[in-house]
Amino acid sequence: MNENQAEGKGKGIVGKAREALGTLTGNEDQAAEGRADQAEGTVQQGVGGVQQGIDNVLGRTGGQEKVAGQGDQLVGKVKEGLGNATGNRDLQAKGKAQQGTGTAKEGLGTLKEGAENLLGGDH
């Protein structure tokens, strides 16, 4: 299990607890935040699965870096969207930051692929 898978699983567990607490106390905002946490965790676990699959097949290549960056961008967009939907400014900001990180990783992967092509090797 990689970092994204572990973090995603943790977010899902916390989200279930927040949703249950919000439901029990009648706090719909807290319940909605819990559902948002669960959705974010599910997406992050999926990204982690893709990253692990790429690591298993390709190893540490430029392609892997690009896909990891694209995964970060996707998770960031989901976080930002959930933040917009729930009015959670912290989640919006985290989503925007993660999108920026993903863009940087994707660019690094492109550079790495170019170097791999110039050197004529896969790694």
PDB file of N, CA and C in Angstrom:
ATOM      1  N   MET A   1       0.859  -1.176   0.000  1.00  0.00           N
ATOM      2  CA  MET A   1       0.000   0.000   0.000  1.00  0.00           C
ATOM      3  C   MET A   1       0.900   1.233   0.000  1.00  0.00           C
ATOM      4  N   ASN A   2       0.617   2.155  -0.923  1.00  0.00           N
ATOM      5  CA  ASN A   2       1.434   3.364  -0.981  1.00  0.00           C
ATOM      6  C   ASN A   2       0.775   4.489  -0.169  1.00  0.00           C
ATOM      7  N   GLU A   3       1.436   5.639  -0.168  1.00  0.00           N
ATOM      8  CA  GLU A   3       0.994   6.769   0.659  1.00  0.00           C
ATOM      9  C   GLU A   3      -0.424   7.236   0.300  1.00  0.00           C
ATOM     10  N   ASN A   4      -0.724   7.357  -0.995  1.00  0.00           N
ATOM     11  CA  ASN A   4      -2.053   7.804  -1.393  1.00  0.00           C
ATOM     12  C   ASN A   4      -3.133   6.806  -0.973  1.00  0.00           C
ATOM     13  N   GLN A   5      -2.841   5.529  -1.100  1.00  0.00           N
ATOM     14  CA  GLN A   5      -3.821   4.532  -0.692  1.00  0.00           C
ATOM     15  C   GLN A   5      -4.085   4.610   0.811  1.00  0.00           C
ATOM     16  N   ALA A   6      -3.017   4.729   1.596  1.00  0.00           N
ATOM     17  CA  ALA A   6      -3.167   4.794   3.055  1.00  0.00           C
ATOM     18  C   ALA A   6      -3.900   6.061   3.488  1.00  0.00           C
ATOM     19  N   GLU A   7      -3.511   7.205   2.908  1.00  0.00           N
ATOM     20  CA  GLU A   7      -4.183   8.459   3.261  1.00  0.00           C
ATOM     21  C   GLU A   7      -5.647   8.436   2.844  1.00  0.00           C
ATOM     22  N   GLY A   8      -5.915   7.887   1.669  1.00  0.00           N
ATOM     23  CA  GLY A   8      -7.293   7.806   1.193  1.00  0.00           C
ATOM     24  C   GLY A   8      -8.156   6.946   2.093  1.00  0.00           C
ATOM     25  N   LYS A   9      -7.605   5.838   2.532  1.00  0.00           N
ATOM     26  CA  LYS A   9      -8.349   4.953   3.442  1.00  0.00           C
ATOM     27  C   LYS A   9      -8.638   5.678   4.754  1.00  0.00           C
ATOM     28  N   GLY A  10      -7.647   6.393   5.265  1.00  0.00           N
ATOM     29  CA  GLY A  10      -7.837   7.143   6.509  1.00  0.00           C
ATOM     30  C   GLY A  10      -8.895   8.224   6.367  1.00  0.00           C
ATOM     31  N   LYS A  11      -8.870   8.941   5.241  1.00  0.00           N
ATOM     32  CA  LYS A  11      -9.874   9.991   5.010  1.00  0.00           C
ATOM     33  C   LYS A  11     -11.276   9.399   4.932  1.00  0.00           C
ATOM     34  N   GLY A  12     -11.386   8.227   4.333  1.00  0.00           N
ATOM     35  CA  GLY A  12     -12.686   7.574   4.252  1.00  0.00           C
ATOM     36  C   GLY A  12     -13.229   7.206   5.619  1.00  0.00           C
ATOM     37  N   ILE A  13     -12.365   6.710   6.479  1.00  0.00           N
ATOM     38  CA  ILE A  13     -12.771   6.331   7.838  1.00  0.00           C
ATOM     39  C   ILE A  13     -13.189   7.561   8.630  1.00  0.00           C
ATOM     40  N   VAL A  14     -12.381   8.609   8.559  1.00  0.00           N
ATOM     41  CA  VAL A  14     -12.718   9.857   9.255  1.00  0.00           C
ATOM     42  C   VAL A  14     -14.024  10.426   8.709  1.00  0.00           C
ATOM     43  N   GLY A  15     -14.194  10.355   7.396  1.00  0.00           N
ATOM     44  CA  GLY A  15     -15.414  10.863   6.775  1.00  0.00           C
ATOM     45  C   GLY A  15     -16.658  10.131   7.248  1.00  0.00           C
ATOM     46  N   LYS A  16     -16.562   8.818   7.379  1.00  0.00           N
ATOM     47  CA  LYS A  16     -17.711   8.049   7.880  1.00  0.00           C
ATOM     48  C   LYS A  16     -18.064   8.471   9.294  1.00  0.00           C
ATOM     49  N   ALA A  17     -17.046   8.679  10.112  1.00  0.00           N
ATOM     50  CA  ALA A  17     -17.289   9.096  11.494  1.00  0.00           C
ATOM     51  C   ALA A  17     -17.915  10.494  11.531  1.00  0.00           C
ATOM     52  N   ARG A  18     -17.400  11.409  10.719  1.00  0.00           N
ATOM     53  CA  ARG A  18     -17.957  12.778  10.688  1.00  0.00           C
ATOM     54  C   ARG A  18     -19.405  12.766  10.204  1.00  0.00           C
ATOM     55  N   GLU A  19     -19.677  11.965   9.189  1.00  0.00           N
ATOM     56  CA  GLU A  19     -21.040  11.891   8.677  1.00  0.00           C
ATOM     57  C   GLU A  19     -21.981  11.328   9.746  1.00  0.00           C
ATOM     58  N   ALA A  20     -21.547  10.267  10.423  1.00  0.00           N
ATOM     59  CA  ALA A  20     -22.375   9.670  11.462  1.00  0.00           C
ATOM     60  C   ALA A  20     -22.633  10.654  12.599  1.00  0.00           C
ATOM     61  N   LEU A  21     -21.609  11.367  13.013  1.00  0.00           N
ATOM     62  CA  LEU A  21     -21.765  12.349  14.082  1.00  0.00           C
ATOM     63  C   LEU A  21     -22.701  13.465  13.650  1.00  0.00           C
ATOM     64  N   GLY A  22     -22.525  13.941  12.423  1.00  0.00           N
ATOM     65  CA  GLY A  22     -23.407  14.990  11.914  1.00  0.00           C
ATOM     66  C   GLY A  22     -24.849  14.537  11.836  1.00  0.00           C
ATOM     67  N   THR A  23     -25.065  13.293  11.425  1.00  0.00           N
ATOM     68  CA  THR A  23     -26.418  12.742  11.345  1.00  0.00           C
ATOM     69  C   THR A  23     -27.030  12.615  12.729  1.00  0.00           C
ATOM     70  N   LEU A  24     -26.244  12.128  13.674  1.00  0.00           N
ATOM     71  CA  LEU A  24     -26.742  11.946  15.047  1.00  0.00           C
ATOM     72  C   LEU A  24     -27.096  13.270  15.716  1.00  0.00           C
ATOM     73  N   THR A  25     -26.307  14.298  15.433  1.00  0.00           N
ATOM     74  CA  THR A  25     -26.532  15.590  16.091  1.00  0.00           C
ATOM     75  C   THR A  25     -27.426  16.520  15.269  1.00  0.00           C
ATOM     76  N   GLY A  26     -27.802  16.074  14.072  1.00  0.00           N
ATOM     77  CA  GLY A  26     -28.635  16.912  13.225  1.00  0.00           C
ATOM     78  C   GLY A  26     -27.867  18.034  12.543  1.00  0.00           C
ATOM     79  N   ASN A  27     -26.557  17.937  12.506  1.00  0.00           N
ATOM     80  CA  ASN A  27     -25.703  18.950  11.889  1.00  0.00           C
ATOM     81  C   ASN A  27     -25.438  18.539  10.440  1.00  0.00           C
ATOM     82  N   GLU A  28     -26.252  19.047   9.527  1.00  0.00           N
ATOM     83  CA  GLU A  28     -26.150  18.650   8.122  1.00  0.00           C
ATOM     84  C   GLU A  28     -24.830  19.091   7.498  1.00  0.00           C
ATOM     85  N   ASP A  29     -24.274  20.220   7.942  1.00  0.00           N
ATOM     86  CA  ASP A  29     -22.977  20.663   7.410  1.00  0.00           C
ATOM     87  C   ASP A  29     -21.892  19.651   7.735  1.00  0.00           C
ATOM     88  N   GLN A  30     -21.881  19.177   8.961  1.00  0.00           N
ATOM     89  CA  GLN A  30     -20.875  18.198   9.357  1.00  0.00           C
ATOM     90  C   GLN A  30     -21.081  16.878   8.614  1.00  0.00           C
ATOM     91  N   ALA A  31     -22.335  16.471   8.446  1.00  0.00           N
ATOM     92  CA  ALA A  31     -22.617  15.246   7.700  1.00  0.00           C
ATOM     93  C   ALA A  31     -22.146  15.381   6.255  1.00  0.00           C
ATOM     94  N   ALA A  32     -22.374  16.547   5.650  1.00  0.00           N
ATOM     95  CA  ALA A  32     -21.942  16.785   4.269  1.00  0.00           C
ATOM     96  C   ALA A  32     -20.425  16.772   4.168  1.00  0.00           C
ATOM     97  N   GLU A  33     -19.742  17.368   5.149  1.00  0.00           N
ATOM     98  CA  GLU A  33     -18.285  17.345   5.153  1.00  0.00           C
ATOM     99  C   GLU A  33     -17.774  15.914   5.273  1.00  0.00           C
ATOM    100  N   GLY A  34     -18.465  15.108   6.053  1.00  0.00           N
ATOM    101  CA  GLY A  34     -18.093  13.699   6.177  1.00  0.00           C
ATOM    102  C   GLY A  34     -18.234  12.960   4.857  1.00  0.00           C
ATOM    103  N   ARG A  35     -19.321  13.231   4.146  1.00  0.00           N
ATOM    104  CA  ARG A  35     -19.508  12.599   2.839  1.00  0.00           C
ATOM    105  C   ARG A  35     -18.431  13.075   1.855  1.00  0.00           C
ATOM    106  N   ALA A  36     -18.083  14.354   1.940  1.00  0.00           N
ATOM    107  CA  ALA A  36     -17.027  14.892   1.079  1.00  0.00           C
ATOM    108  C   ALA A  36     -15.686  14.230   1.393  1.00  0.00           C
ATOM    109  N   ASP A  37     -15.392  14.037   2.672  1.00  0.00           N
ATOM    110  CA  ASP A  37     -14.154  13.353   3.071  1.00  0.00           C
ATOM    111  C   ASP A  37     -14.118  11.934   2.518  1.00  0.00           C
ATOM    112  N   GLN A  38     -15.261  11.259   2.565  1.00  0.00           N
ATOM    113  CA  GLN A  38     -15.319   9.892   2.046  1.00  0.00           C
ATOM    114  C   GLN A  38     -15.056   9.861   0.543  1.00  0.00           C
ATOM    115  N   ALA A  39     -15.666  10.789  -0.181  1.00  0.00           N
ATOM    116  CA  ALA A  39     -15.465  10.852  -1.633  1.00  0.00           C
ATOM    117  C   ALA A  39     -14.002  11.150  -1.955  1.00  0.00           C
ATOM    118  N   GLU A  40     -13.427  12.090  -1.226  1.00  0.00           N
ATOM    119  CA  GLU A  40     -12.025  12.436  -1.431  1.00  0.00           C
ATOM    120  C   GLU A  40     -11.135  11.224  -1.152  1.00  0.00           C
ATOM    121  N   GLY A  41     -11.423  10.507  -0.088  1.00  0.00           N
ATOM    122  CA  GLY A  41     -10.644   9.312   0.250  1.00  0.00           C
ATOM    123  C   GLY A  41     -10.732   8.239  -0.818  1.00  0.00           C
ATOM    124  N   THR A  42     -11.922   8.054  -1.374  1.00  0.00           N
ATOM    125  CA  THR A  42     -12.104   7.058  -2.426  1.00  0.00           C
ATOM    126  C   THR A  42     -11.283   7.409  -3.662  1.00  0.00           C
ATOM    127  N   VAL A  43     -11.323   8.676  -4.048  1.00  0.00           N
ATOM    128  CA  VAL A  43     -10.543   9.120  -5.209  1.00  0.00           C
ATOM    129  C   VAL A  43      -9.059   8.950  -4.933  1.00  0.00           C
ATOM    130  N   GLN A  44      -8.615   9.334  -3.753  1.00  0.00           N
ATOM    131  CA  GLN A  44      -7.200   9.241  -3.436  1.00  0.00           C
ATOM    132  C   GLN A  44      -6.738   7.784  -3.411  1.00  0.00           C
ATOM    133  N   GLN A  45      -7.577   6.880  -2.910  1.00  0.00           N
ATOM    134  CA  GLN A  45      -7.218   5.466  -2.937  1.00  0.00           C
ATOM    135  C   GLN A  45      -7.083   4.972  -4.376  1.00  0.00           C
ATOM    136  N   GLY A  46      -7.985   5.415  -5.234  1.00  0.00           N
ATOM    137  CA  GLY A  46      -7.910   5.024  -6.639  1.00  0.00           C
ATOM    138  C   GLY A  46      -6.646   5.524  -7.305  1.00  0.00           C
ATOM    139  N   VAL A  47      -6.285   6.766  -7.024  1.00  0.00           N
ATOM    140  CA  VAL A  47      -5.048   7.317  -7.570  1.00  0.00           C
ATOM    141  C   VAL A  47      -3.853   6.506  -7.072  1.00  0.00           C
ATOM    142  N   GLY A  48      -3.872   6.154  -5.813  1.00  0.00           N
ATOM    143  CA  GLY A  48      -2.795   5.334  -5.258  1.00  0.00           C
ATOM    144  C   GLY A  48      -2.695   3.978  -5.937  1.00  0.00           C
ATOM    145  N   GLY A  49      -3.840   3.395  -6.254  1.00  0.00           N
ATOM    146  CA  GLY A  49      -3.841   2.119  -6.963  1.00  0.00           C
ATOM    147  C   GLY A  49      -3.237   2.242  -8.350  1.00  0.00           C
ATOM    148  N   VAL A  50      -3.577   3.323  -9.037  1.00  0.00           N
ATOM    149  CA  VAL A  50      -3.003   3.561 -10.367  1.00  0.00           C
ATOM    150  C   VAL A  50      -1.493   3.755 -10.245  1.00  0.00           C
ATOM    151  N   GLN A  51      -1.078   4.552  -9.266  1.00  0.00           N
ATOM    152  CA  GLN A  51       0.353   4.790  -9.078  1.00  0.00           C
ATOM    153  C   GLN A  51       1.089   3.484  -8.786  1.00  0.00           C
ATOM    154  N   GLN A  52       0.507   2.645  -7.952  1.00  0.00           N
ATOM    155  CA  GLN A  52       1.162   1.388  -7.609  1.00  0.00           C
ATOM    156  C   GLN A  52       1.243   0.478  -8.829  1.00  0.00           C
ATOM    157  N   GLY A  53       0.189   0.451  -9.611  1.00  0.00           N
ATOM    158  CA  GLY A  53       0.210  -0.352 -10.833  1.00  0.00           C
ATOM    159  C   GLY A  53       1.290   0.112 -11.793  1.00  0.00           C
ATOM    160  N   ILE A  54       1.423   1.411 -11.922  1.00  0.00           N
ATOM    161  CA  ILE A  54       2.456   1.961 -12.809  1.00  0.00           C
ATOM    162  C   ILE A  54       3.839   1.621 -12.274  1.00  0.00           C
ATOM    163  N   ASP A  55       4.021   1.764 -10.965  1.00  0.00           N
ATOM    164  CA  ASP A  55       5.312   1.400 -10.372  1.00  0.00           C
ATOM    165  C   ASP A  55       5.648  -0.062 -10.659  1.00  0.00           C
ATOM    166  N   ASN A  56       4.642  -0.927 -10.564  1.00  0.00           N
ATOM    167  CA  ASN A  56       4.874  -2.354 -10.786  1.00  0.00           C
ATOM    168  C   ASN A  56       5.242  -2.642 -12.236  1.00  0.00           C
ATOM    169  N   VAL A  57       4.629  -1.932 -13.170  1.00  0.00           N
ATOM    170  CA  VAL A  57       4.853  -2.208 -14.583  1.00  0.00           C
ATOM    171  C   VAL A  57       6.036  -1.434 -15.143  1.00  0.00           C
ATOM    172  N   LEU A  58       6.111  -0.152 -14.847  1.00  0.00           N
ATOM    173  CA  LEU A  58       7.107   0.696 -15.483  1.00  0.00           C
ATOM    174  C   LEU A  58       8.305   1.039 -14.612  1.00  0.00           C
ATOM    175  N   GLY A  59       8.183   0.909 -13.338  1.00  0.00           N
ATOM    176  CA  GLY A  59       9.249   1.374 -12.473  1.00  0.00           C
ATOM    177  C   GLY A  59       9.248   2.891 -12.407  1.00  0.00           C
ATOM    178  N   ARG A  60      10.350   3.473 -12.061  1.00  0.00           N
ATOM    179  CA  ARG A  60      10.450   4.928 -11.896  1.00  0.00           C
ATOM    180  C   ARG A  60      10.832   5.568 -13.234  1.00  0.00           C
ATOM    181  N   THR A  61       9.861   5.758 -14.096  1.00  0.00           N
ATOM    182  CA  THR A  61      10.113   6.370 -15.388  1.00  0.00           C
ATOM    183  C   THR A  61       9.413   7.720 -15.479  1.00  0.00           C
ATOM    184  N   GLY A  62       9.672   8.424 -16.566  1.00  0.00           N
ATOM    185  CA  GLY A  62       8.995   9.691 -16.809  1.00  0.00           C
ATOM    186  C   GLY A  62       7.491   9.501 -16.916  1.00  0.00           C
ATOM    187  N   GLY A  63       7.069   8.390 -17.513  1.00  0.00           N
ATOM    188  CA  GLY A  63       5.637   8.099 -17.621  1.00  0.00           C
ATOM    189  C   GLY A  63       4.973   7.985 -16.263  1.00  0.00           C
ATOM    190  N   GLN A  64       5.669   7.368 -15.340  1.00  0.00           N
ATOM    191  CA  GLN A  64       5.131   7.224 -13.983  1.00  0.00           C
ATOM    192  C   GLN A  64       4.993   8.579 -13.324  1.00  0.00           C
ATOM    193  N   GLU A  65       5.983   9.433 -13.512  1.00  0.00           N
ATOM    194  CA  GLU A  65       5.925  10.771 -12.927  1.00  0.00           C
ATOM    195  C   GLU A  65       4.750  11.564 -13.502  1.00  0.00           C
ATOM    196  N   LYS A  66       4.549  11.448 -14.819  1.00  0.00           N
ATOM    197  CA  LYS A  66       3.463  12.179 -15.465  1.00  0.00           C
ATOM    198  C   LYS A  66       2.113  11.713 -14.932  1.00  0.00           C
ATOM    199  N   VAL A  67       1.935  10.403 -14.810  1.00  0.00           N
ATOM    200  CA  VAL A  67       0.654   9.879 -14.325  1.00  0.00           C
ATOM    201  C   VAL A  67       0.437  10.264 -12.865  1.00  0.00           C
ATOM    202  N   ALA A  68       1.507  10.235 -12.068  1.00  0.00           N
ATOM    203  CA  ALA A  68       1.372  10.668 -10.674  1.00  0.00           C
ATOM    204  C   ALA A  68       0.944  12.131 -10.614  1.00  0.00           C
ATOM    205  N   GLY A  69       1.504  12.950 -11.488  1.00  0.00           N
ATOM    206  CA  GLY A  69       1.121  14.360 -11.545  1.00  0.00           C
ATOM    207  C   GLY A  69      -0.328  14.529 -11.968  1.00  0.00           C
ATOM    208  N   GLN A  70      -0.741  13.764 -12.958  1.00  0.00           N
ATOM    209  CA  GLN A  70      -2.124  13.826 -13.414  1.00  0.00           C
ATOM    210  C   GLN A  70      -3.073  13.359 -12.310  1.00  0.00           C
ATOM    211  N   GLY A  71      -2.650  12.361 -11.550  1.00  0.00           N
ATOM    212  CA  GLY A  71      -3.457  11.899 -10.425  1.00  0.00           C
ATOM    213  C   GLY A  71      -3.607  12.970  -9.360  1.00  0.00           C
ATOM    214  N   ASP A  72      -2.515  13.666  -9.061  1.00  0.00           N
ATOM    215  CA  ASP A  72      -2.584  14.767  -8.093  1.00  0.00           C
ATOM    216  C   ASP A  72      -3.514  15.871  -8.585  1.00  0.00           C
ATOM    217  N   GLN A  73      -3.450  16.151  -9.883  1.00  0.00           N
ATOM    218  CA  GLN A  73      -4.339  17.173 -10.440  1.00  0.00           C
ATOM    219  C   GLN A  73      -5.794  16.755 -10.284  1.00  0.00           C
ATOM    220  N   LEU A  74      -6.077  15.482 -10.550  1.00  0.00           N
ATOM    221  CA  LEU A  74      -7.448  14.978 -10.425  1.00  0.00           C
ATOM    222  C   LEU A  74      -7.938  15.059  -8.982  1.00  0.00           C
ATOM    223  N   VAL A  75      -7.120  14.581  -8.050  1.00  0.00           N
ATOM    224  CA  VAL A  75      -7.513  14.638  -6.639  1.00  0.00           C
ATOM    225  C   VAL A  75      -7.693  16.091  -6.207  1.00  0.00           C
ATOM    226  N   GLY A  76      -6.805  16.973  -6.676  1.00  0.00           N
ATOM    227  CA  GLY A  76      -6.920  18.392  -6.346  1.00  0.00           C
ATOM    228  C   GLY A  76      -8.205  19.002  -6.862  1.00  0.00           C
ATOM    229  N   LYS A  77      -8.593  18.632  -8.082  1.00  0.00           N
ATOM    230  CA  LYS A  77      -9.842  19.152  -8.642  1.00  0.00           C
ATOM    231  C   LYS A  77     -11.042  18.660  -7.843  1.00  0.00           C
ATOM    232  N   VAL A  78     -10.994  17.397  -7.427  1.00  0.00           N
ATOM    233  CA  VAL A  78     -12.091  16.857  -6.616  1.00  0.00           C
ATOM    234  C   VAL A  78     -12.161  17.585  -5.279  1.00  0.00           C
ATOM    235  N   LYS A  79     -11.017  17.778  -4.643  1.00  0.00           N
ATOM    236  CA  LYS A  79     -10.993  18.500  -3.364  1.00  0.00           C
ATOM    237  C   LYS A  79     -11.554  19.909  -3.527  1.00  0.00           C
ATOM    238  N   GLU A  80     -11.098  20.610  -4.567  1.00  0.00           N
ATOM    239  CA  GLU A  80     -11.568  21.972  -4.785  1.00  0.00           C
ATOM    240  C   GLU A  80     -13.081  21.983  -5.039  1.00  0.00           C
ATOM    241  N   GLY A  81     -13.552  21.043  -5.840  1.00  0.00           N
ATOM    242  CA  GLY A  81     -14.985  20.965  -6.127  1.00  0.00           C
ATOM    243  C   GLY A  81     -15.807  20.654  -4.892  1.00  0.00           C
ATOM    244  N   LEU A  82     -15.310  19.731  -4.071  1.00  0.00           N
ATOM    245  CA  LEU A  82     -16.017  19.418  -2.829  1.00  0.00           C
ATOM    246  C   LEU A  82     -15.991  20.609  -1.882  1.00  0.00           C
ATOM    247  N   GLY A  83     -14.869  21.313  -1.865  1.00  0.00           N
ATOM    248  CA  GLY A  83     -14.777  22.525  -1.049  1.00  0.00           C
ATOM    249  C   GLY A  83     -15.757  23.587  -1.512  1.00  0.00           C
ATOM    250  N   ASN A  84     -15.888  23.729  -2.827  1.00  0.00           N
ATOM    251  CA  ASN A  84     -16.853  24.688  -3.371  1.00  0.00           C
ATOM    252  C   ASN A  84     -18.275  24.288  -2.994  1.00  0.00           C
ATOM    253  N   ALA A  85     -18.568  22.996  -3.111  1.00  0.00           N
ATOM    254  CA  ALA A  85     -19.926  22.507  -2.847  1.00  0.00           C
ATOM    255  C   ALA A  85     -20.315  22.629  -1.372  1.00  0.00           C
ATOM    256  N   THR A  86     -19.329  22.469  -0.498  1.00  0.00           N
ATOM    257  CA  THR A  86     -19.626  22.494   0.935  1.00  0.00           C
ATOM    258  C   THR A  86     -19.278  23.828   1.594  1.00  0.00           C
ATOM    259  N   GLY A  87     -18.673  24.737   0.827  1.00  0.00           N
ATOM    260  CA  GLY A  87     -18.259  26.017   1.400  1.00  0.00           C
ATOM    261  C   GLY A  87     -17.025  25.898   2.280  1.00  0.00           C
ATOM    262  N   ASN A  88     -16.271  24.812   2.129  1.00  0.00           N
ATOM    263  CA  ASN A  88     -15.080  24.564   2.935  1.00  0.00           C
ATOM    264  C   ASN A  88     -13.876  25.200   2.242  1.00  0.00           C
ATOM    265  N   ARG A  89     -13.494  26.401   2.698  1.00  0.00           N
ATOM    266  CA  ARG A  89     -12.402  27.144   2.050  1.00  0.00           C
ATOM    267  C   ARG A  89     -11.052  26.449   2.203  1.00  0.00           C
ATOM    268  N   ASP A  90     -10.854  25.764   3.319  1.00  0.00           N
ATOM    269  CA  ASP A  90      -9.597  25.043   3.523  1.00  0.00           C
ATOM    270  C   ASP A  90      -9.454  23.935   2.486  1.00  0.00           C
ATOM    271  N   LEU A  91     -10.527  23.204   2.238  1.00  0.00           N
ATOM    272  CA  LEU A  91     -10.503  22.135   1.243  1.00  0.00           C
ATOM    273  C   LEU A  91     -10.313  22.712  -0.161  1.00  0.00           C
ATOM    274  N   GLN A  92     -10.916  23.857  -0.432  1.00  0.00           N
ATOM    275  CA  GLN A  92     -10.720  24.519  -1.726  1.00  0.00           C
ATOM    276  C   GLN A  92      -9.239  24.845  -1.929  1.00  0.00           C
ATOM    277  N   ALA A  93      -8.626  25.424  -0.914  1.00  0.00           N
ATOM    278  CA  ALA A  93      -7.212  25.814  -1.001  1.00  0.00           C
ATOM    279  C   ALA A  93      -6.308  24.594  -1.159  1.00  0.00           C
ATOM    280  N   LYS A  94      -6.593  23.543  -0.396  1.00  0.00           N
ATOM    281  CA  LYS A  94      -5.796  22.318  -0.518  1.00  0.00           C
ATOM    282  C   LYS A  94      -5.925  21.736  -1.919  1.00  0.00           C
ATOM    283  N   GLY A  95      -7.121  21.797  -2.471  1.00  0.00           N
ATOM    284  CA  GLY A  95      -7.323  21.287  -3.823  1.00  0.00           C
ATOM    285  C   GLY A  95      -6.529  22.065  -4.852  1.00  0.00           C
ATOM    286  N   LYS A  96      -6.541  23.381  -4.742  1.00  0.00           N
ATOM    287  CA  LYS A  96      -5.779  24.206  -5.679  1.00  0.00           C
ATOM    288  C   LYS A  96      -4.280  23.931  -5.541  1.00  0.00           C
ATOM    289  N   ALA A  97      -3.813  23.784  -4.318  1.00  0.00           N
ATOM    290  CA  ALA A  97      -2.390  23.508  -4.092  1.00  0.00           C
ATOM    291  C   ALA A  97      -2.002  22.151  -4.674  1.00  0.00           C
ATOM    292  N   GLN A  98      -2.849  21.156  -4.489  1.00  0.00           N
ATOM    293  CA  GLN A  98      -2.529  19.830  -5.004  1.00  0.00           C
ATOM    294  C   GLN A  98      -2.533  19.819  -6.537  1.00  0.00           C
ATOM    295  N   GLN A  99      -3.403  20.623  -7.133  1.00  0.00           N
ATOM    296  CA  GLN A  99      -3.391  20.733  -8.594  1.00  0.00           C
ATOM    297  C   GLN A  99      -2.062  21.311  -9.078  1.00  0.00           C
ATOM    298  N   GLY A 100      -1.552  22.319  -8.360  1.00  0.00           N
ATOM    299  CA  GLY A 100      -0.260  22.906  -8.720  1.00  0.00           C
ATOM    300  C   GLY A 100       0.874  21.913  -8.597  1.00  0.00           C
ATOM    301  N   THR A 101       0.848  21.121  -7.536  1.00  0.00           N
ATOM    302  CA  THR A 101       1.857  20.085  -7.346  1.00  0.00           C
ATOM    303  C   THR A 101       1.785  19.074  -8.480  1.00  0.00           C
ATOM    304  N   GLY A 102       0.569  18.705  -8.851  1.00  0.00           N
ATOM    305  CA  GLY A 102       0.388  17.752  -9.939  1.00  0.00           C
ATOM    306  C   GLY A 102       0.909  18.271 -11.263  1.00  0.00           C
ATOM    307  N   THR A 103       0.680  19.536 -11.528  1.00  0.00           N
ATOM    308  CA  THR A 103       1.178  20.137 -12.770  1.00  0.00           C
ATOM    309  C   THR A 103       2.705  20.090 -12.797  1.00  0.00           C
ATOM    310  N   ALA A 104       3.329  20.382 -11.659  1.00  0.00           N
ATOM    311  CA  ALA A 104       4.790  20.336 -11.576  1.00  0.00           C
ATOM    312  C   ALA A 104       5.304  18.914 -11.789  1.00  0.00           C
ATOM    313  N   LYS A 105       4.650  17.935 -11.176  1.00  0.00           N
ATOM    314  CA  LYS A 105       5.071  16.542 -11.339  1.00  0.00           C
ATOM    315  C   LYS A 105       4.918  16.095 -12.797  1.00  0.00           C
ATOM    316  N   GLU A 106       3.833  16.498 -13.409  1.00  0.00           N
ATOM    317  CA  GLU A 106       3.618  16.126 -14.805  1.00  0.00           C
ATOM    318  C   GLU A 106       4.720  16.721 -15.687  1.00  0.00           C
ATOM    319  N   GLY A 107       5.082  17.973 -15.425  1.00  0.00           N
ATOM    320  CA  GLY A 107       6.175  18.603 -16.174  1.00  0.00           C
ATOM    321  C   GLY A 107       7.493  17.887 -15.952  1.00  0.00           C
ATOM    322  N   LEU A 108       7.761  17.481 -14.729  1.00  0.00           N
ATOM    323  CA  LEU A 108       8.972  16.730 -14.426  1.00  0.00           C
ATOM    324  C   LEU A 108       8.985  15.414 -15.198  1.00  0.00           C
ATOM    325  N   GLY A 109       7.834  14.761 -15.251  1.00  0.00           N
ATOM    326  CA  GLY A 109       7.741  13.509 -16.000  1.00  0.00           C
ATOM    327  C   GLY A 109       8.037  13.703 -17.473  1.00  0.00           C
ATOM    328  N   THR A 110       7.554  14.798 -18.035  1.00  0.00           N
ATOM    329  CA  THR A 110       7.816  15.091 -19.444  1.00  0.00           C
ATOM    330  C   THR A 110       9.313  15.300 -19.672  1.00  0.00           C
ATOM    331  N   LEU A 111       9.950  16.049 -18.769  1.00  0.00           N
ATOM    332  CA  LEU A 111      11.399  16.250 -18.870  1.00  0.00           C
ATOM    333  C   LEU A 111      12.147  14.928 -18.732  1.00  0.00           C
ATOM    334  N   LYS A 112      11.709  14.114 -17.813  1.00  0.00           N
ATOM    335  CA  LYS A 112      12.349  12.827 -17.573  1.00  0.00           C
ATOM    336  C   LYS A 112      12.203  11.914 -18.787  1.00  0.00           C
ATOM    337  N   GLU A 113      11.015  11.930 -19.412  1.00  0.00           N
ATOM    338  CA  GLU A 113      10.815  11.134 -20.625  1.00  0.00           C
ATOM    339  C   GLU A 113      11.751  11.595 -21.743  1.00  0.00           C
ATOM    340  N   GLY A 114      11.896  12.911 -21.875  1.00  0.00           N
ATOM    341  CA  GLY A 114      12.812  13.434 -22.892  1.00  0.00           C
ATOM    342  C   GLY A 114      14.234  12.964 -22.659  1.00  0.00           C
ATOM    343  N   ALA A 115      14.672  12.991 -21.410  1.00  0.00           N
ATOM    344  CA  ALA A 115      16.020  12.527 -21.082  1.00  0.00           C
ATOM    345  C   ALA A 115      16.159  11.031 -21.363  1.00  0.00           C
ATOM    346  N   GLU A 116      15.131  10.268 -21.023  1.00  0.00           N
ATOM    347  CA  GLU A 116      15.167   8.815 -21.291  1.00  0.00           C
ATOM    348  C   GLU A 116      15.279   8.553 -22.788  1.00  0.00           C
ATOM    349  N   ASN A 117      14.523   9.320 -23.584  1.00  0.00           N
ATOM    350  CA  ASN A 117      14.587   9.146 -25.038  1.00  0.00           C
ATOM    351  C   ASN A 117      15.959   9.512 -25.581  1.00  0.00           C
ATOM    352  N   LEU A 118      16.549  10.589 -25.059  1.00  0.00           N
ATOM    353  CA  LEU A 118      17.885  10.983 -25.502  1.00  0.00           C
ATOM    354  C   LEU A 118      18.945   9.947 -25.157  1.00  0.00           C
ATOM    355  N   LEU A 119      18.788   9.356 -23.995  1.00  0.00           N
ATOM    356  CA  LEU A 119      19.757   8.352 -23.551  1.00  0.00           C
ATOM    357  C   LEU A 119      19.485   6.979 -24.147  1.00  0.00           C
ATOM    358  N   GLY A 120      18.302   6.822 -24.753  1.00  0.00           N
ATOM    359  CA  GLY A 120      17.978   5.558 -25.423  1.00  0.00           C
ATOM    360  C   GLY A 120      17.633   4.427 -24.480  1.00  0.00           C
ATOM    361  N   GLY A 121      17.305   4.733 -23.247  1.00  0.00           N
ATOM    362  CA  GLY A 121      16.961   3.685 -22.298  1.00  0.00           C
ATOM    363  C   GLY A 121      15.595   3.918 -21.703  1.00  0.00           C
ATOM    364  N   ASP A 122      15.114   2.906 -21.010  1.00  0.00           N
ATOM    365  CA  ASP A 122      13.813   3.011 -20.354  1.00  0.00           C
ATOM    366  C   ASP A 122      13.924   3.707 -19.013  1.00  0.00           C
ATOM    367  N   HIS A 123      15.088   3.773 -18.408  1.00  0.00           N
ATOM    368  CA  HIS A 123      15.228   4.368 -17.066  1.00  0.00           C
ATOM    369  C   HIS A 123      16.309   5.400 -17.064  1.00  0.00           C
TER     370      HIS A 123
END
